[in-house]
C-alpha atoms as a PDB file:
ATOM      1  CA  UNK A   1      -8.694   0.250   3.824  1.00  0.00           C
ATOM      2  CA  UNK A   2      -5.703   2.069   5.320  1.00  0.00           C
ATOM      3  CA  UNK A   3      -2.281   0.942   4.208  1.00  0.00           C
ATOM      4  CA  UNK A   4       0.671   0.656   6.550  1.00  0.00           C
ATOM      5  CA  UNK A   5       3.777   2.691   5.831  1.00  0.00           C
ATOM      6  CA  UNK A   6       7.017   1.559   7.423  1.00  0.00           C
ATOM      7  CA  UNK A   7      10.159   3.629   7.566  1.00  0.00           C
ATOM      8  CA  UNK A   8      13.139   1.453   8.475  1.00  0.00           C
ATOM      9  CA  UNK A   9      16.453   3.057   9.394  1.00  0.00           C
ATOM     10  CA  UNK A  10      19.506   0.813   9.135  1.00  0.00           C
ATOM     11  CA  UNK A  11      22.976   1.999  10.112  1.00  0.00           C
ATOM     12  CA  UNK A  12      26.034   0.103   8.946  1.00  0.00           C
ATOM     13  CA  UNK A  13      29.281   0.196  10.842  1.00  0.00           C
ATOM     14  CA  UNK A  14      31.909   2.314   9.041  1.00  0.00           C
ATOM     15  CA  UNK A  15      33.891  -0.632   7.685  1.00  0.00           C
ATOM     16  CA  UNK A  16      30.849  -2.641   6.532  1.00  0.00           C
ATOM     17  CA  UNK A  17      29.014  -0.209   4.240  1.00  0.00           C
ATOM     18  CA  UNK A  18      29.566  -2.224   1.040  1.00  0.00           C
ATOM     19  CA  UNK A  19      28.506  -5.498   2.680  1.00  0.00           C
ATOM     20  CA  UNK A  20      25.370  -4.031   4.238  1.00  0.00           C
ATOM     21  CA  UNK A  21      24.379  -2.245   1.024  1.00  0.00           C
ATOM     22  CA  UNK A  22      24.790  -5.429  -1.043  1.00  0.00           C
ATOM     23  CA  UNK A  23      22.732  -7.450   1.445  1.00  0.00           C
ATOM     24  CA  UNK A  24      20.007  -4.772   1.582  1.00  0.00           C
ATOM     25  CA  UNK A  25      19.816  -4.738  -2.215  1.00  0.00           C
ATOM     26  CA  UNK A  26      19.238  -8.512  -2.176  1.00  0.00           C
ATOM     27  CA  UNK A  27      16.055  -7.944  -0.143  1.00  0.00           C
ATOM     28  CA  UNK A  28      14.382  -5.782  -2.772  1.00  0.00           C
ATOM     29  CA  UNK A  29      13.253  -8.295  -5.446  1.00  0.00           C
ATOM     30  CA  UNK A  30      12.175 -10.920  -2.907  1.00  0.00           C
ATOM     31  CA  UNK A  31      10.200  -8.414  -0.853  1.00  0.00           C
ATOM     32  CA  UNK A  32       8.567  -6.693  -3.811  1.00  0.00           C
ATOM     33  CA  UNK A  33       7.137 -10.053  -4.876  1.00  0.00           C
ATOM     34  CA  UNK A  34       5.518 -10.678  -1.483  1.00  0.00           C
ATOM     35  CA  UNK A  35       1.779 -10.541  -1.033  1.00  0.00           C
ATOM     36  CA  UNK A  36       0.688  -7.108   0.158  1.00  0.00           C
ATOM     37  CA  UNK A  37       3.881  -5.243  -0.746  1.00  0.00           C
ATOM     38  CA  UNK A  38       2.953  -1.959  -2.419  1.00  0.00           C
ATOM     39  CA  UNK A  39       6.288  -0.158  -2.116  1.00  0.00           C
ATOM     40  CA  UNK A  40       9.766  -1.211  -0.985  1.00  0.00           C
ATOM     41  CA  UNK A  41      12.381   1.391  -1.837  1.00  0.00           C
ATOM     42  CA  UNK A  42      15.914   1.657  -0.476  1.00  0.00           C
ATOM     43  CA  UNK A  43      17.745   4.954   0.058  1.00  0.00           C
ATOM     44  CA  UNK A  44      21.297   5.775   1.170  1.00  0.00           C
ATOM     45  CA  UNK A  45      22.135   9.060   2.881  1.00  0.00           C
ATOM     46  CA  UNK A  46      24.294  11.351   0.714  1.00  0.00           C
ATOM     47  CA  UNK A  47      26.086  12.881   3.698  1.00  0.00           C
ATOM     48  CA  UNK A  48      26.331   9.826   5.953  1.00  0.00           C
ATOM     49  CA  UNK A  49      26.778   6.729   3.752  1.00  0.00           C
ATOM     50  CA  UNK A  50      26.437   4.401   6.736  1.00  0.00           C
ATOM     51  CA  UNK A  51      22.728   5.344   6.969  1.00  0.00           C
ATOM     52  CA  UNK A  52      20.200   3.463   4.850  1.00  0.00           C
ATOM     53  CA  UNK A  53      16.426   3.801   4.844  1.00  0.00           C
ATOM     54  CA  UNK A  54      13.646   1.644   3.467  1.00  0.00           C
ATOM     55  CA  UNK A  55      10.348   3.336   2.624  1.00  0.00           C
ATOM     56  CA  UNK A  56       7.759   0.569   2.624  1.00  0.00           C
ATOM     57  CA  UNK A  57       4.015   0.425   2.037  1.00  0.00           C
ATOM     58  CA  UNK A  58       1.965  -2.654   2.846  1.00  0.00           C
ATOM     59  CA  UNK A  59      -1.663  -3.512   2.218  1.00  0.00           C
ATOM     60  CA  UNK A  60      -2.095  -4.552   5.854  1.00  0.00           C
ATOM     61  CA  UNK A  61      -0.054  -4.693   9.046  1.00  0.00           C
ATOM     62  CA  UNK A  62      -0.563  -8.451   9.127  1.00  0.00           C
ATOM     63  CA  UNK A  63       1.084  -8.885   5.714  1.00  0.00           C
ATOM     64  CA  UNK A  64       4.009  -6.727   6.856  1.00  0.00           C
ATOM     65  CA  UNK A  65       4.363  -8.906   9.947  1.00  0.00           C
ATOM     66  CA  UNK A  66       4.470 -11.968   7.679  1.00  0.00           C
ATOM     67  CA  UNK A  67       7.230 -10.230   5.707  1.00  0.00           C
ATOM     68  CA  UNK A  68       9.209  -9.709   8.916  1.00  0.00           C
ATOM     69  CA  UNK A  69       9.303 -13.487   9.454  1.00  0.00           C
ATOM     70  CA  UNK A  70      10.395 -14.407   5.906  1.00  0.00           C
ATOM     71  CA  UNK A  71      13.586 -16.324   5.223  1.00  0.00           C
ATOM     72  CA  UNK A  72      15.243 -13.560   3.200  1.00  0.00           C
ATOM     73  CA  UNK A  73      15.178 -11.275   6.255  1.00  0.00           C
ATOM     74  CA  UNK A  74      16.654 -14.049   8.392  1.00  0.00           C
ATOM     75  CA  UNK A  75      19.360 -14.516   5.742  1.00  0.00           C
ATOM     76  CA  UNK A  76      20.075 -10.765   5.815  1.00  0.00           C
ATOM     77  CA  UNK A  77      20.418 -10.826   9.589  1.00  0.00           C
ATOM     78  CA  UNK A  78      22.821 -13.751   9.444  1.00  0.00           C
ATOM     79  CA  UNK A  79      24.918 -12.207   6.643  1.00  0.00           C
ATOM     80  CA  UNK A  80      25.212  -8.842   8.421  1.00  0.00           C
ATOM     81  CA  UNK A  81      25.573 -10.036  12.009  1.00  0.00           C
ATOM     82  CA  UNK A  82      27.835  -7.567  13.793  1.00  0.00           C
ATOM     83  CA  UNK A  83      27.844  -5.210  10.786  1.00  0.00           C
ATOM     84  CA  UNK A  84      24.798  -3.077  11.612  1.00  0.00           C
ATOM     85  CA  UNK A  85      23.547  -1.074  14.549  1.00  0.00           C
ATOM     86  CA  UNK A  86      20.054  -1.872  15.859  1.00  0.00           C
ATOM     87  CA  UNK A  87      17.260  -1.127  13.379  1.00  0.00           C
ATOM     88  CA  UNK A  88      14.813   1.662  14.018  1.00  0.00           C
ATOM     89  CA  UNK A  89      11.361   0.922  12.588  1.00  0.00           C
ATOM     90  CA  UNK A  90       8.492   3.393  12.406  1.00  0.00           C
ATOM     91  CA  UNK A  91       4.993   2.136  11.620  1.00  0.00           C
ATOM     92  CA  UNK A  92       3.066   5.057  10.162  1.00  0.00           C
ATOM     93  CA  UNK A  93      -0.287   5.980   8.679  1.00  0.00           C
ATOM     94  CA  UNK A  94      -0.633   8.666   6.029  1.00  0.00           C
ATOM     95  CA  UNK A  95      -2.436  11.774   7.182  1.00  0.00           C
ATOM     96  CA  UNK A  96      -4.700  13.123   4.449  1.00  0.00           C
END
């Protein structure tokens, strides 16, 4: 079975970095406990602190899609409305 890797790029507006970071950190424990979550790691760019990236691995695309509909992501969207630029998501498969 091939796992799905997702790279999610999130960009905070300059004056909302602390808010966005705190809300992103809230996603980690809830998401890591979801069915099918293999990896869910958050990174912040050292040179451009407005840029965050999640490196995610999921057992299946379907389980990732279920994750995308979960309440904690809806709560994040509500809490950060107007504070982030549009997300850029990349669905990827590892090349061996």
